[in-house]
């Protein structure tokens, strides 16, 4: 028989209250056909409250030694109680980002635009310098020509 440790919902509408039960994995969540109640979970309690999760640690250990598998939520409760190791948090995928190839294209385009902007700024600076040189040079040459005549 494959036994599991999972939550069975009790409580009123919009006021959930759960029993942590050991049951056959083929049974429905609230079938009432449970082997043992090994704890309680009250999600209406504050997160730091001691009454939020109540476990019968010895009974949980005994059932796990017999091969009972906890559900994901119960596993988190057991990990917080120190009975099992916490599961590693998986690395999140970056599906919202563009592919590497697209990112490279965007970077190359930005580099090309930056290079063009630099060349344009350099050309404008050279044109300005040339214009200033022309405005100062004829003023100096004009008196020299008048003296030569």
N, C-alpha and C. Protein backbone atom coordinates (compact mmCIF):
# COMPACT_ATOMS: atom_id res chain seq x y z
N UNK A 1 0.85 -1.18 0.00
CA UNK A 1 0.00 0.00 0.00
C UNK A 1 0.89 1.23 0.00
N UNK A 2 0.64 2.16 -0.92
CA UNK A 2 1.41 3.40 -1.01
C UNK A 2 0.76 4.44 -0.10
N UNK A 3 1.44 4.77 0.98
CA UNK A 3 0.88 5.74 1.91
C UNK A 3 1.50 7.11 1.67
N UNK A 4 0.69 8.12 1.89
CA UNK A 4 1.14 9.50 1.75
C UNK A 4 0.74 10.28 2.98
N UNK A 5 1.51 11.33 3.24
CA UNK A 5 1.17 12.28 4.29
C UNK A 5 0.73 13.54 3.57
N UNK A 6 -0.53 13.90 3.73
CA UNK A 6 -1.04 15.06 3.01
C UNK A 6 -2.08 15.79 3.85
N UNK A 7 -2.61 16.88 3.26
CA UNK A 7 -3.60 17.70 3.95
C UNK A 7 -5.00 17.23 3.60
N UNK A 8 -5.88 17.23 4.59
CA UNK A 8 -7.30 16.97 4.37
C UNK A 8 -8.04 18.22 4.85
N UNK A 9 -8.88 18.78 4.00
CA UNK A 9 -9.50 20.07 4.30
C UNK A 9 -10.72 19.90 5.19
N UNK A 10 -10.76 20.74 6.22
CA UNK A 10 -11.91 20.84 7.10
C UNK A 10 -12.22 22.31 7.23
N UNK A 11 -13.16 22.67 8.04
CA UNK A 11 -13.47 24.08 8.25
C UNK A 11 -14.60 24.54 7.36
N UNK A 12 -15.04 25.75 7.59
CA UNK A 12 -16.18 26.31 6.87
C UNK A 12 -15.73 26.97 5.57
N UNK A 13 -16.71 27.44 4.82
CA UNK A 13 -16.44 28.13 3.57
C UNK A 13 -15.62 29.39 3.86
N UNK A 14 -14.55 29.55 3.13
CA UNK A 14 -13.62 30.68 3.25
C UNK A 14 -12.93 30.73 4.62
N UNK A 15 -13.00 29.66 5.39
CA UNK A 15 -12.31 29.56 6.68
C UNK A 15 -11.64 28.18 6.73
N UNK A 16 -10.61 27.96 5.89
CA UNK A 16 -10.03 26.61 5.81
C UNK A 16 -9.28 26.22 7.07
N UNK A 17 -9.29 24.95 7.30
CA UNK A 17 -8.55 24.34 8.39
C UNK A 17 -8.18 22.95 7.91
N UNK A 18 -6.95 22.54 8.07
CA UNK A 18 -6.50 21.27 7.51
C UNK A 18 -5.99 20.34 8.60
N UNK A 19 -6.24 19.05 8.41
CA UNK A 19 -5.60 18.02 9.21
C UNK A 19 -4.49 17.43 8.35
N UNK A 20 -3.35 17.18 8.95
CA UNK A 20 -2.26 16.51 8.25
C UNK A 20 -2.46 15.02 8.54
N UNK A 21 -2.76 14.26 7.48
CA UNK A 21 -3.17 12.88 7.66
C UNK A 21 -2.28 11.93 6.89
N UNK A 22 -2.24 10.69 7.36
CA UNK A 22 -1.59 9.61 6.64
C UNK A 22 -2.70 8.77 6.05
N UNK A 23 -2.63 8.58 4.73
CA UNK A 23 -3.69 7.84 4.05
C UNK A 23 -3.12 7.10 2.85
N UNK A 24 -3.92 6.24 2.27
CA UNK A 24 -3.55 5.55 1.04
C UNK A 24 -3.56 6.58 -0.09
N UNK A 25 -2.60 6.52 -0.97
CA UNK A 25 -2.48 7.52 -2.03
C UNK A 25 -3.65 7.47 -3.00
N UNK A 26 -4.37 6.34 -3.04
CA UNK A 26 -5.49 6.22 -3.97
C UNK A 26 -6.77 6.84 -3.44
N UNK A 27 -6.80 7.16 -2.15
CA UNK A 27 -8.00 7.76 -1.55
C UNK A 27 -8.12 9.22 -1.95
N UNK A 28 -9.36 9.71 -1.96
CA UNK A 28 -9.61 11.13 -2.22
C UNK A 28 -9.14 11.95 -1.02
N UNK A 29 -8.98 13.24 -1.25
CA UNK A 29 -8.45 14.12 -0.20
C UNK A 29 -9.28 14.06 1.07
N UNK A 30 -10.59 14.16 0.93
CA UNK A 30 -11.47 14.20 2.09
C UNK A 30 -12.33 12.95 2.20
N UNK A 31 -11.78 11.82 1.84
CA UNK A 31 -12.58 10.59 1.88
C UNK A 31 -12.94 10.18 3.29
N UNK A 32 -12.19 10.64 4.26
CA UNK A 32 -12.44 10.23 5.63
C UNK A 32 -11.80 8.90 5.94
N UNK A 33 -11.21 8.28 4.95
CA UNK A 33 -10.58 6.98 5.09
C UNK A 33 -9.09 7.19 5.37
N UNK A 34 -8.77 7.69 6.57
CA UNK A 34 -7.39 8.01 6.92
C UNK A 34 -6.85 6.98 7.90
N UNK A 35 -5.56 6.76 7.84
CA UNK A 35 -4.93 5.82 8.77
C UNK A 35 -4.65 6.51 10.10
N UNK A 36 -4.19 7.76 10.02
CA UNK A 36 -3.88 8.48 11.25
C UNK A 36 -3.78 9.97 10.98
N UNK A 37 -4.20 10.77 11.95
CA UNK A 37 -4.03 12.22 11.88
C UNK A 37 -2.74 12.55 12.63
N UNK A 38 -1.77 13.13 11.91
CA UNK A 38 -0.46 13.39 12.53
C UNK A 38 -0.19 14.87 12.74
N UNK A 39 -1.17 15.72 12.48
CA UNK A 39 -0.97 17.14 12.73
C UNK A 39 -2.12 17.97 12.24
N UNK A 40 -1.98 19.28 12.45
CA UNK A 40 -3.01 20.23 12.04
C UNK A 40 -2.34 21.44 11.44
N UNK A 41 -3.05 22.09 10.50
CA UNK A 41 -2.54 23.29 9.83
C UNK A 41 -3.68 24.28 9.73
N UNK A 42 -3.46 25.46 10.29
CA UNK A 42 -4.46 26.52 10.26
C UNK A 42 -3.90 27.72 9.51
N UNK A 43 -4.22 27.86 8.21
CA UNK A 43 -3.66 28.97 7.43
C UNK A 43 -4.20 30.33 7.84
N UNK A 44 -5.22 30.38 8.68
CA UNK A 44 -5.77 31.66 9.11
C UNK A 44 -4.93 32.29 10.22
N UNK A 45 -4.03 31.52 10.81
CA UNK A 45 -3.14 32.03 11.86
C UNK A 45 -2.01 32.85 11.21
N UNK A 46 -1.42 33.79 11.95
CA UNK A 46 -0.26 34.52 11.40
C UNK A 46 0.90 33.56 11.12
N UNK A 47 1.73 33.94 10.17
CA UNK A 47 2.83 33.05 9.74
C UNK A 47 3.79 32.70 10.86
N UNK A 48 3.99 33.59 11.80
CA UNK A 48 4.96 33.33 12.87
C UNK A 48 4.32 32.67 14.09
N UNK A 49 3.04 32.36 14.02
CA UNK A 49 2.34 31.75 15.15
C UNK A 49 2.73 30.27 15.28
N UNK A 50 2.85 29.81 16.53
CA UNK A 50 3.16 28.41 16.78
C UNK A 50 1.93 27.52 16.53
N UNK A 51 0.75 28.11 16.54
CA UNK A 51 -0.49 27.35 16.34
C UNK A 51 -0.79 27.15 14.86
N UNK A 52 -0.01 27.74 13.96
CA UNK A 52 -0.28 27.62 12.53
C UNK A 52 -0.07 26.18 12.05
N UNK A 53 1.05 25.56 12.44
CA UNK A 53 1.34 24.17 12.09
C UNK A 53 1.66 23.42 13.37
N UNK A 54 0.89 22.37 13.63
CA UNK A 54 1.11 21.52 14.80
C UNK A 54 1.35 20.11 14.29
N UNK A 55 2.53 19.56 14.60
CA UNK A 55 2.89 18.22 14.13
C UNK A 55 3.13 17.28 15.30
N UNK A 56 2.74 16.03 15.14
CA UNK A 56 3.11 14.98 16.09
C UNK A 56 4.38 14.36 15.51
N UNK A 57 5.51 14.87 15.92
CA UNK A 57 6.80 14.57 15.30
C UNK A 57 7.12 13.07 15.36
N UNK A 58 6.88 12.43 16.50
CA UNK A 58 7.21 11.01 16.63
C UNK A 58 6.41 10.16 15.64
N UNK A 59 5.13 10.49 15.49
CA UNK A 59 4.28 9.72 14.58
C UNK A 59 4.67 9.97 13.12
N UNK A 60 5.03 11.21 12.81
CA UNK A 60 5.46 11.52 11.44
C UNK A 60 6.73 10.73 11.12
N UNK A 61 7.69 10.73 12.06
CA UNK A 61 8.94 9.98 11.84
C UNK A 61 8.65 8.49 11.63
N UNK A 62 7.73 7.95 12.43
CA UNK A 62 7.40 6.53 12.32
C UNK A 62 6.79 6.22 10.96
N UNK A 63 5.89 7.05 10.48
CA UNK A 63 5.26 6.81 9.18
C UNK A 63 6.26 6.98 8.04
N UNK A 64 7.14 7.93 8.16
CA UNK A 64 8.15 8.12 7.11
C UNK A 64 9.12 6.95 7.09
N UNK A 65 9.40 6.38 8.27
CA UNK A 65 10.26 5.19 8.33
C UNK A 65 9.57 4.00 7.65
N UNK A 66 8.25 3.98 7.68
CA UNK A 66 7.50 2.91 7.03
C UNK A 66 7.34 3.14 5.53
N UNK A 67 7.77 4.32 5.05
CA UNK A 67 7.73 4.57 3.61
C UNK A 67 6.69 5.57 3.15
N UNK A 68 6.03 6.27 4.06
CA UNK A 68 5.03 7.26 3.66
C UNK A 68 5.74 8.46 3.04
N UNK A 69 5.20 8.94 1.93
CA UNK A 69 5.77 10.09 1.22
C UNK A 69 4.94 11.34 1.51
N UNK A 70 5.58 12.43 1.92
CA UNK A 70 4.81 13.67 2.17
C UNK A 70 4.50 14.40 0.87
N UNK A 71 3.37 15.11 0.86
CA UNK A 71 3.03 15.96 -0.29
C UNK A 71 3.97 17.17 -0.27
N UNK A 72 3.92 17.98 -1.31
CA UNK A 72 4.83 19.13 -1.39
C UNK A 72 4.64 20.08 -0.21
N UNK A 73 3.40 20.42 0.10
CA UNK A 73 3.12 21.36 1.19
C UNK A 73 3.54 20.76 2.53
N UNK A 74 3.24 19.51 2.76
CA UNK A 74 3.62 18.86 4.02
C UNK A 74 5.14 18.75 4.11
N UNK A 75 5.80 18.53 2.96
CA UNK A 75 7.26 18.46 2.95
C UNK A 75 7.85 19.77 3.45
N UNK A 76 7.24 20.89 3.03
CA UNK A 76 7.72 22.21 3.50
C UNK A 76 7.54 22.34 5.01
N UNK A 77 6.42 21.86 5.53
CA UNK A 77 6.20 21.90 6.98
C UNK A 77 7.26 21.07 7.70
N UNK A 78 7.54 19.89 7.17
CA UNK A 78 8.53 19.01 7.80
C UNK A 78 9.93 19.62 7.72
N UNK A 79 10.23 20.29 6.60
CA UNK A 79 11.54 20.93 6.46
C UNK A 79 11.68 22.07 7.46
N UNK A 80 10.62 22.84 7.66
CA UNK A 80 10.67 23.93 8.63
C UNK A 80 10.79 23.40 10.06
N UNK A 81 10.26 22.21 10.30
CA UNK A 81 10.37 21.59 11.62
C UNK A 81 11.72 20.91 11.81
N UNK A 82 12.50 20.76 10.72
CA UNK A 82 13.82 20.15 10.81
C UNK A 82 13.81 18.64 10.66
N UNK A 83 12.73 18.06 10.19
CA UNK A 83 12.66 16.61 10.04
C UNK A 83 13.27 16.12 8.73
N UNK A 84 13.24 16.95 7.71
CA UNK A 84 13.83 16.61 6.42
C UNK A 84 14.62 17.81 5.91
N UNK A 85 15.48 17.57 4.92
CA UNK A 85 16.24 18.68 4.34
C UNK A 85 15.35 19.48 3.41
N UNK A 86 15.58 20.79 3.40
CA UNK A 86 14.82 21.64 2.49
C UNK A 86 15.24 21.34 1.06
N UNK A 87 14.27 21.40 0.15
CA UNK A 87 14.57 21.17 -1.26
C UNK A 87 15.30 22.39 -1.80
N UNK A 88 16.21 22.14 -2.72
CA UNK A 88 16.94 23.23 -3.34
C UNK A 88 15.99 24.02 -4.23
N UNK A 89 16.15 25.33 -4.21
CA UNK A 89 15.33 26.18 -5.07
C UNK A 89 15.92 26.13 -6.47
N UNK A 90 15.13 25.75 -7.46
CA UNK A 90 15.68 25.64 -8.81
C UNK A 90 16.01 27.01 -9.39
N UNK A 91 16.96 27.02 -10.30
CA UNK A 91 17.33 28.25 -10.97
C UNK A 91 16.20 28.63 -11.91
N UNK A 92 15.79 29.88 -11.81
CA UNK A 92 14.68 30.34 -12.63
C UNK A 92 15.11 30.51 -14.08
N UNK A 93 14.25 30.14 -14.98
CA UNK A 93 14.55 30.31 -16.39
C UNK A 93 14.41 31.78 -16.76
N UNK A 94 15.05 32.15 -17.84
CA UNK A 94 15.01 33.54 -18.29
C UNK A 94 14.23 33.63 -19.60
N UNK A 95 13.08 33.00 -19.64
CA UNK A 95 12.30 32.95 -20.86
C UNK A 95 11.77 34.32 -21.27
N UNK A 96 11.69 35.23 -20.31
CA UNK A 96 11.20 36.56 -20.65
C UNK A 96 12.27 37.38 -21.37
N UNK A 97 13.52 36.91 -21.33
CA UNK A 97 14.60 37.61 -22.03
C UNK A 97 14.69 37.14 -23.47
N UNK A 98 15.33 37.97 -24.30
CA UNK A 98 15.53 37.58 -25.69
C UNK A 98 16.66 36.56 -25.77
N UNK A 99 16.73 35.87 -26.90
CA UNK A 99 17.76 34.86 -27.08
C UNK A 99 19.13 35.53 -27.15
N UNK A 100 20.18 34.73 -26.96
CA UNK A 100 21.54 35.27 -27.00
C UNK A 100 21.85 35.89 -28.36
N UNK A 101 21.39 35.25 -29.40
CA UNK A 101 21.64 35.75 -30.75
C UNK A 101 21.01 37.13 -30.93
N UNK A 102 19.78 37.29 -30.47
CA UNK A 102 19.10 38.58 -30.58
C UNK A 102 19.80 39.63 -29.73
N UNK A 103 20.24 39.24 -28.54
CA UNK A 103 20.96 40.18 -27.68
C UNK A 103 22.26 40.63 -28.33
N UNK A 104 22.95 39.71 -29.02
CA UNK A 104 24.19 40.07 -29.72
C UNK A 104 23.90 41.04 -30.86
N UNK A 105 22.82 40.80 -31.61
CA UNK A 105 22.45 41.70 -32.70
C UNK A 105 22.15 43.10 -32.17
N UNK A 106 21.43 43.17 -31.07
CA UNK A 106 21.10 44.48 -30.48
C UNK A 106 22.37 45.18 -30.03
N UNK A 107 23.30 44.43 -29.42
CA UNK A 107 24.56 45.02 -28.97
C UNK A 107 25.38 45.51 -30.16
N UNK A 108 25.45 44.70 -31.23
CA UNK A 108 26.20 45.09 -32.43
C UNK A 108 25.60 46.36 -33.05
N UNK A 109 24.28 46.41 -33.09
CA UNK A 109 23.62 47.59 -33.66
C UNK A 109 23.92 48.82 -32.81
N UNK A 110 23.88 48.68 -31.50
CA UNK A 110 24.18 49.80 -30.61
C UNK A 110 25.63 50.24 -30.79
N UNK A 111 26.55 49.29 -30.96
CA UNK A 111 27.96 49.62 -31.19
C UNK A 111 28.13 50.37 -32.50
N UNK A 112 27.45 49.89 -33.55
CA UNK A 112 27.54 50.57 -34.85
C UNK A 112 27.00 52.00 -34.77
N UNK A 113 25.86 52.17 -34.09
CA UNK A 113 25.28 53.50 -33.94
C UNK A 113 26.20 54.41 -33.12
N UNK A 114 26.83 53.87 -32.09
CA UNK A 114 27.76 54.66 -31.29
C UNK A 114 28.97 55.07 -32.12
N UNK A 115 29.47 54.16 -32.94
CA UNK A 115 30.62 54.46 -33.81
C UNK A 115 30.26 55.55 -34.81
N UNK A 116 29.07 55.46 -35.41
CA UNK A 116 28.62 56.47 -36.37
C UNK A 116 28.48 57.83 -35.68
N UNK A 117 27.94 57.82 -34.47
CA UNK A 117 27.78 59.07 -33.72
C UNK A 117 29.14 59.69 -33.41
N UNK A 118 30.13 58.85 -33.04
CA UNK A 118 31.48 59.36 -32.76
C UNK A 118 32.09 59.97 -34.02
N UNK A 119 31.95 59.27 -35.15
CA UNK A 119 32.50 59.79 -36.41
C UNK A 119 31.83 61.09 -36.80
N UNK A 120 30.53 61.17 -36.60
CA UNK A 120 29.79 62.39 -36.93
C UNK A 120 30.26 63.54 -36.04
N UNK A 121 30.43 63.27 -34.73
CA UNK A 121 30.90 64.30 -33.81
C UNK A 121 32.31 64.74 -34.18
N UNK A 122 33.16 63.80 -34.56
CA UNK A 122 34.53 64.14 -34.96
C UNK A 122 34.52 64.98 -36.24
N UNK A 123 33.65 64.64 -37.18
CA UNK A 123 33.56 65.39 -38.44
C UNK A 123 33.06 66.81 -38.17
N UNK A 124 32.07 66.94 -37.28
CA UNK A 124 31.57 68.26 -36.94
C UNK A 124 32.64 69.09 -36.26
N UNK A 125 33.42 68.46 -35.37
CA UNK A 125 34.50 69.18 -34.68
C UNK A 125 35.56 69.62 -35.68
N UNK A 126 35.89 68.77 -36.65
CA UNK A 126 36.88 69.12 -37.68
C UNK A 126 36.35 70.25 -38.55
N UNK A 127 35.08 70.22 -38.90
CA UNK A 127 34.49 71.28 -39.72
C UNK A 127 34.49 72.60 -38.97
N UNK A 128 34.20 72.55 -37.66
CA UNK A 128 34.22 73.75 -36.84
C UNK A 128 35.63 74.34 -36.79
N UNK A 129 36.60 73.47 -36.58
CA UNK A 129 37.99 73.92 -36.51
C UNK A 129 38.42 74.53 -37.84
N UNK A 130 38.02 73.93 -38.93
CA UNK A 130 38.37 74.45 -40.26
C UNK A 130 37.70 75.80 -40.50
N UNK A 131 36.45 75.92 -40.06
CA UNK A 131 35.73 77.19 -40.23
C UNK A 131 36.39 78.28 -39.40
N UNK A 132 36.80 77.95 -38.20
CA UNK A 132 37.48 78.94 -37.35
C UNK A 132 38.83 79.32 -37.95
N UNK A 133 39.52 78.37 -38.52
CA UNK A 133 40.81 78.64 -39.14
C UNK A 133 40.64 79.57 -40.34
N UNK A 134 39.59 79.39 -41.11
CA UNK A 134 39.33 80.23 -42.28
C UNK A 134 38.97 81.65 -41.87
N UNK A 135 38.20 81.77 -40.79
CA UNK A 135 37.81 83.12 -40.35
C UNK A 135 38.99 83.88 -39.78
N UNK A 136 39.92 83.22 -39.15
CA UNK A 136 41.08 83.92 -38.59
C UNK A 136 42.17 84.14 -39.63
N UNK A 137 42.34 83.26 -40.57
CA UNK A 137 43.40 83.38 -41.57
C UNK A 137 43.17 84.56 -42.53
N UNK A 138 41.99 84.78 -43.12
CA UNK A 138 41.83 85.92 -44.02
C UNK A 138 42.04 87.25 -43.31
N UNK A 139 41.71 87.36 -42.08
CA UNK A 139 41.92 88.61 -41.35
C UNK A 139 43.39 88.92 -41.24
N UNK A 140 44.22 87.91 -41.08
CA UNK A 140 45.66 88.12 -40.97
C UNK A 140 46.27 88.39 -42.34
N UNK A 141 45.73 87.74 -43.37
CA UNK A 141 46.29 87.93 -44.71
C UNK A 141 45.93 89.28 -45.31
N UNK A 142 44.80 89.81 -44.98
CA UNK A 142 44.36 91.06 -45.57
C UNK A 142 45.33 92.20 -45.27
N UNK A 143 45.80 92.40 -44.07
CA UNK A 143 46.75 93.48 -43.84
C UNK A 143 48.07 93.22 -44.56
N UNK A 144 48.44 91.99 -44.71
CA UNK A 144 49.69 91.71 -45.39
C UNK A 144 49.59 92.10 -46.86
N UNK A 145 48.47 91.90 -47.48
CA UNK A 145 48.30 92.24 -48.89
C UNK A 145 48.29 93.76 -49.07
N UNK A 146 47.71 94.45 -48.14
CA UNK A 146 47.67 95.90 -48.27
C UNK A 146 49.06 96.49 -48.09
N UNK A 147 49.85 95.90 -47.29
CA UNK A 147 51.23 96.39 -47.07
C UNK A 147 52.06 96.11 -48.30
N UNK A 148 51.84 95.04 -48.99
CA UNK A 148 52.61 94.68 -50.16
C UNK A 148 52.30 95.61 -51.32
N UNK A 149 51.13 96.17 -51.42
CA UNK A 149 50.79 97.05 -52.52
C UNK A 149 51.47 98.32 -52.36
